[in-house]
Amino acid sequence: MTGEMFLNGCLIVSISVLLIAMAVIIVRIVRGPTLPDRILGLDTLVTVSIGVIAVFGIITGFPIYVDIAIALGLVGFLSTIALANFLLRCGDDTLTRRDHNAPARRQDNA
């Protein structure tokens, strides 16, 4: 087995695992019961997408994909901060309840 064959096998396995992870993350984003779960899912999706871009850059041999992955990381980081700021400003109680029609639970300290 040559080094090139081993590298190609590793690239196939890694891209397969990353695509499966992306599918699971998308399901979590769609089914996420609360907004913070969806925000975390989007952040994880950006991270896995950076990995996919890096593997694709290795497969094609073009180093420009590293720059694209860095730019996506910066945009993903800033969007996560913006969404977290939005969540803090709007109030955690109205956005994290599973049933928006049900009244908020009252916590009695008795």
Protein backbone atom coordinates (compact mmCIF):
# COMPACT_ATOMS: atom_id res chain seq x y z
CA MET A 1 0.00 0.00 0.00
CA THR A 2 1.46 3.33 -1.01
CA GLY A 3 1.15 6.59 0.86
CA GLU A 4 -1.12 8.05 -1.81
CA MET A 5 -3.56 5.17 -1.54
CA PHE A 6 -3.62 5.52 2.23
CA LEU A 7 -4.24 9.28 1.95
CA ASN A 8 -7.08 8.74 -0.53
CA GLY A 9 -8.69 6.18 1.79
CA CYS A 10 -8.42 8.53 4.75
CA LEU A 11 -9.94 11.38 2.73
CA ILE A 12 -12.89 9.23 1.67
CA VAL A 13 -13.52 8.13 5.26
CA SER A 14 -13.20 11.67 6.62
CA ILE A 15 -15.52 13.24 4.04
CA SER A 16 -18.06 10.46 4.69
CA VAL A 17 -17.98 11.01 8.45
CA LEU A 18 -18.25 14.79 8.03
CA LEU A 19 -21.25 14.48 5.69
CA ILE A 20 -23.00 12.13 8.12
CA ALA A 21 -22.31 14.63 10.91
CA MET A 22 -23.78 17.42 8.77
CA ALA A 23 -26.95 15.38 8.21
CA VAL A 24 -27.36 14.72 11.94
CA ILE A 25 -26.75 18.39 12.75
CA ILE A 26 -29.36 19.52 10.22
CA VAL A 27 -31.89 17.16 11.79
CA ARG A 28 -31.04 18.65 15.21
CA ILE A 29 -31.50 22.18 13.87
CA VAL A 30 -34.90 21.36 12.37
CA ARG A 31 -36.16 19.42 15.41
CA GLY A 32 -34.45 21.53 18.07
CA PRO A 33 -36.97 22.30 20.78
CA THR A 34 -35.51 25.69 21.70
CA LEU A 35 -33.79 28.58 19.99
CA PRO A 36 -30.48 28.10 21.88
CA ASP A 37 -30.39 24.50 20.60
CA ARG A 38 -30.77 25.75 17.06
CA ILE A 39 -28.07 28.40 17.52
CA LEU A 40 -25.68 25.78 18.85
CA GLY A 41 -26.58 23.52 15.93
CA LEU A 42 -25.80 26.29 13.44
CA ASP A 43 -22.46 26.93 15.11
CA THR A 44 -21.63 23.23 14.95
CA LEU A 45 -22.72 23.13 11.30
CA VAL A 46 -20.29 25.93 10.49
CA THR A 47 -17.49 24.04 12.24
CA VAL A 48 -18.19 20.83 10.33
CA SER A 49 -18.47 22.81 7.08
CA ILE A 50 -14.96 24.17 7.69
CA GLY A 51 -13.77 20.58 7.98
CA VAL A 52 -15.51 19.63 4.72
CA ILE A 53 -13.91 22.60 2.94
CA ALA A 54 -10.47 21.63 4.31
CA VAL A 55 -10.84 18.03 3.12
CA PHE A 56 -12.07 19.23 -0.26
CA GLY A 57 -9.02 21.49 -0.48
CA ILE A 58 -6.74 18.52 0.17
CA ILE A 59 -8.54 16.44 -2.45
CA THR A 60 -8.31 19.12 -5.15
CA GLY A 61 -4.89 20.41 -4.16
CA PHE A 62 -5.92 24.08 -4.26
CA PRO A 63 -4.71 26.08 -1.22
CA ILE A 64 -7.37 28.77 -1.79
CA TYR A 65 -9.84 26.61 0.15
CA VAL A 66 -7.89 27.32 3.33
CA ASP A 67 -8.71 31.02 2.91
CA ILE A 68 -12.37 30.18 2.33
CA ALA A 69 -12.42 28.05 5.49
CA ILE A 70 -10.86 30.89 7.52
CA ALA A 71 -13.42 33.38 6.19
CA LEU A 72 -16.27 30.99 7.00
CA GLY A 73 -14.89 30.55 10.52
CA LEU A 74 -14.87 34.31 11.08
CA VAL A 75 -18.40 34.74 9.73
CA GLY A 76 -19.63 31.80 11.81
CA PHE A 77 -18.05 33.21 14.96
CA LEU A 78 -19.58 36.65 14.41
CA SER A 79 -23.01 35.22 13.62
CA THR A 80 -22.96 33.11 16.79
CA ILE A 81 -22.16 36.21 18.85
CA ALA A 82 -24.92 38.17 17.12
CA LEU A 83 -27.50 35.43 17.69
CA ALA A 84 -26.48 35.07 21.34
CA ASN A 85 -26.82 38.83 21.77
CA PHE A 86 -30.28 38.64 20.17
CA LEU A 87 -31.24 35.86 22.54
CA LEU A 88 -30.14 37.89 25.56
CA ARG A 89 -31.99 41.01 24.43
CA CYS A 90 -35.27 39.29 23.61
CA GLY A 91 -35.45 37.43 26.88
CA ASP A 92 -34.75 33.82 27.57
CA ASP A 93 -38.24 33.02 28.89
CA THR A 94 -40.16 33.74 25.70
CA LEU A 95 -37.75 31.97 23.36
CA THR A 96 -36.84 28.81 25.23
CA ARG A 97 -40.25 27.47 26.26
CA ARG A 98 -41.35 24.47 24.24
CA ASP A 99 -45.01 25.39 24.12
CA HIS A 100 -45.38 29.08 23.37
CA ASN A 101 -49.15 29.02 24.05
CA ALA A 102 -48.80 27.56 27.53
CA PRO A 103 -48.25 29.95 30.42
CA ALA A 104 -44.79 30.13 31.92
CA ARG A 105 -44.16 27.79 34.83
CA ARG A 106 -44.18 29.41 38.19
CA GLN A 107 -41.43 28.53 40.57
CA ASP A 108 -42.67 28.49 44.15
CA ASN A 109 -40.02 28.64 46.84
CA ALA A 110 -42.13 27.12 49.54
